[in-house]
Amino acid sequence: GYYMNVNSSGLAALDSSMFFQAQLVPEIQLNDSDPVSDRFMYQWTNTADSRQQKTYNGLDSNISVIFSSQNVVAGEYLMTVAAYKVDDQTTIVAFQTLKFRLTQDLNGLLTITQRLNYQRDPTMFSTKTLLILTAAVHDLFLQSDLTFDYFWFSGEGILAQTKQPNCLTTIHTAANTSLASFVCVRDRNPDKLQAQKPGNFSLASTLGHSLQAVNDTFRDTLVQDRVSPCVASGMFEQEVTFKDPVQSCHVSRVDVDPKDRGINIKKSALVNITCLGSAPSSVCVIITPDNSSLAPGHVCQPGTFVEHLSHQLHIQLKSTGWNNIHFFVYNDVSRHHVVESFYAYDP
C-alpha cells in the first residue's frame, strides 16, 4: 500500500498561479534496485471553484492552478487528491486533503538595505545615505500579458514610480516613519470594449496622507481604472526609524589649557568629545604609538549608550612620546573615527 503527502506553494493571491504537489510513499520501503513500474491517475478536487483535474504520473505529480477573482473570493479552501492505479481506476490507492488559502491582496514583503559601518538595530537607518528598497512579490503570475508597476512611499508621501521592483532613495529628516511599496499588476491588453477615460489621479494628491489613506486611494483609482486596471495589487510596508549619523566631532582637554598636548604619564587627562548627530551615543578608545596605525577593521566595541552626544573621558598614556588616541563614537546608525595626538612625558 501507499500513503500520500500533499503540499502547496503557500499563500497565493487570486489570479496568480498556485502549485500543488502530491507524493505517494510506499508503506514498505523499497530498495533502489526495486523500480516502481506502476503509473497512477491523480484526481485533484478543490472547494474554491469545485474544479476537478486529472494527471497521470509515477509516485509524484503536480498541478498549477489559477483561481480567478471573477468566480472565487479570498478565503481558506481544501484541495483533495485521490490516487488510482491507471490499470485499475475503481480502487483508491491513497488520498489526502490539504488546506490552502487565497488572498485578495498580493503576498510579499518590502526589504530595505543600506550600507552602514554600524547599525545597532535592523529597523534603524541613516539619513543622507542611499537606501535600496525592494518589493519582493511572492505570488507567481505566469501570464505573459501582465506587467508590474511599483509605487514607492515614505510616511510623507510619494517617492517614485518604477517598472522595476526596486527604488533608490535618500531620506533627509530624522524621524519615525513608514516606507512602503504599492504594487499594481496590470493587463497589457485590457478589454478595449470596456475602455473609458481614466479618472483624474494625481500622485501629488497623496502627499501628507497616511499610508493607509494612500493605499485606499490607489485601490479606489488604479484598481477601478477601466483603461489599465490593476488586476491584482498589494502594499508592503515597514515601520522604520531614521537617525542622523555621527559627524563633526570635536575633542578638547578640560583639565588644562585645551591646546595643551602634554600628558603626565603618572596621571590621567580629562578629555571631552562632542559630536553632531542623533542620540543615543557611545564612545570607546584605542591608543597606539604615533609611528603605527590601526589595522583595517580594527575598532573597539561600544559600551553603554547615553542620551546625548557629549562624552567626558579619562585618558592615561603608558608609553612616553607621541601617542595617537583613536576615538570611536557610535550611535544607532553609524561609527565615527577621530584621531588626536598627545605627548606622554615622565616628569
Foldseek 3Di string as FASTA:
>chain_A
DWEKDKDKLAEAAAQFKIKMKMFIDDPDDDDPVDDDPWKKKKWKAKPFQRDIDIDIGTRMDMDIDHHHPVRGDWDKMKIKIWIDTPVDRPDTPYMDMDIGTYDQAFDWAKDKDFDAPAAQDRQEAEAPGKIKIFTDTSTHHPDPQKFKKKWKAKQQFTDDIDRHRMDIDGHHDWDWIKIKIKMFIKGNDADPVQADPADDDDRVVCGPPGVVVVVVSCCVGQQPHRNIHRSHIDMHMDTHGYKHFKDDKDKAWDVDHRVAQEDELVFWTKMKIATDIADFKFKDKDKDAPVDDDDPPDDDDGDDTDRHRMDIDTGHDNDAAKMKIWMWMDHNGHTDIDIDIGGYDHD
